[in-house]
Amino acid sequence: LTINFIMFIPLPSVLVGLIITAVEVSAFLYSVETYVAHDAHLAGFLLGGISSFIVDWERAVKGVLIAAIVLVGIYLIGVYGNLF
């Protein structure tokens, strides 16, 4: 099963998930009166992640490891590429 996220630039779904999570966290912490329930989105991400561990433990662990590697890669590119 392959899940594709249709955008102008093709991205792996784990990267899209990390980007959306980062946007929701920053919007939750820094936004003013947007009338969007960012806390509900974050709770949905959390419960979806927990549900994935209940449904298929091995695949969920593999997904978390891939997400961690991608996140570390983004961090290293930002720090050593002077992007941040």
Protein backbone atom coordinates (compact mmCIF):
# COMPACT_ATOMS: atom_id res chain seq x y z
CA LEU A 1 0.00 0.00 0.00
CA THR A 2 1.46 3.32 -1.05
CA ILE A 3 0.03 6.59 0.16
CA ASN A 4 0.86 9.59 -1.97
CA PHE A 5 0.31 13.18 -0.98
CA ILE A 6 -0.55 15.16 -4.09
CA MET A 7 1.30 18.45 -4.22
CA PHE A 8 3.31 20.37 -6.75
CA ILE A 9 6.49 18.93 -5.25
CA PRO A 10 6.38 15.20 -4.49
CA LEU A 11 7.20 14.56 -0.82
CA PRO A 12 7.27 11.44 1.34
CA SER A 13 4.23 11.26 3.59
CA VAL A 14 6.42 11.23 6.72
CA LEU A 15 7.87 14.61 5.72
CA VAL A 16 4.41 16.02 5.04
CA GLY A 17 3.27 14.78 8.47
CA LEU A 18 6.23 16.44 10.19
CA ILE A 19 5.62 19.71 8.34
CA ILE A 20 1.91 19.74 9.18
CA THR A 21 2.66 18.92 12.82
CA ALA A 22 5.24 21.74 13.00
CA VAL A 23 2.74 24.18 11.50
CA GLU A 24 0.02 23.14 13.96
CA VAL A 25 2.36 23.39 16.97
CA SER A 26 3.58 26.84 15.96
CA ALA A 27 0.03 28.00 15.22
CA PHE A 28 -1.12 26.67 18.60
CA LEU A 29 1.68 28.45 20.46
CA TYR A 30 1.86 31.76 18.58
CA SER A 31 -1.45 32.46 16.82
CA VAL A 32 -4.03 34.97 17.94
CA GLU A 33 -7.78 34.43 17.51
CA THR A 34 -7.70 32.33 14.33
CA TYR A 35 -10.93 30.46 15.16
CA VAL A 36 -9.17 27.19 14.33
CA ALA A 37 -8.95 24.47 16.97
CA HIS A 38 -5.22 23.76 16.66
CA ASP A 39 -5.30 21.84 19.93
CA ALA A 40 -7.88 19.49 18.40
CA HIS A 41 -5.61 18.90 15.40
CA LEU A 42 -2.69 18.11 17.70
CA ALA A 43 -4.88 15.74 19.75
CA GLY A 44 -5.91 14.03 16.50
CA PHE A 45 -2.27 13.59 15.49
CA LEU A 46 -1.50 12.12 18.91
CA LEU A 47 -4.48 9.75 18.97
CA GLY A 48 -3.81 8.70 15.37
CA GLY A 49 -0.23 7.88 16.30
CA ILE A 50 -1.33 5.88 19.33
CA SER A 51 -3.91 4.05 17.21
CA SER A 52 -1.24 3.08 14.69
CA PHE A 53 0.70 1.34 17.47
CA ILE A 54 -2.43 -0.56 18.49
CA VAL A 55 -3.21 -1.66 14.93
CA ASP A 56 0.29 -2.64 13.73
CA TRP A 57 3.12 -2.30 16.26
CA GLU A 58 6.02 -3.21 13.94
CA ARG A 59 4.99 -0.85 11.17
CA ALA A 60 4.39 1.98 13.64
CA VAL A 61 7.87 1.56 15.15
CA LYS A 62 9.37 1.58 11.66
CA GLY A 63 7.42 4.77 10.86
CA VAL A 64 8.60 6.48 14.04
CA LEU A 65 12.21 5.57 13.27
CA ILE A 66 11.91 6.92 9.74
CA ALA A 67 10.29 10.12 11.04
CA ALA A 68 13.09 10.54 13.60
CA ILE A 69 15.77 10.08 10.93
CA VAL A 70 14.07 12.60 8.64
CA LEU A 71 13.70 15.08 11.51
CA VAL A 72 17.38 14.75 12.46
CA GLY A 73 18.31 15.17 8.80
CA ILE A 74 16.25 18.35 8.51
CA TYR A 75 17.85 19.68 11.69
CA LEU A 76 21.38 18.93 10.48
CA ILE A 77 20.73 20.50 7.10
CA GLY A 78 19.37 23.59 8.83
CA VAL A 79 22.21 23.92 11.34
CA TYR A 80 25.13 23.10 9.06
CA GLY A 81 23.56 24.72 6.01
CA ASN A 82 23.01 27.95 7.99
CA LEU A 83 19.31 27.92 7.22
CA PHE A 84 18.19 28.54 10.80
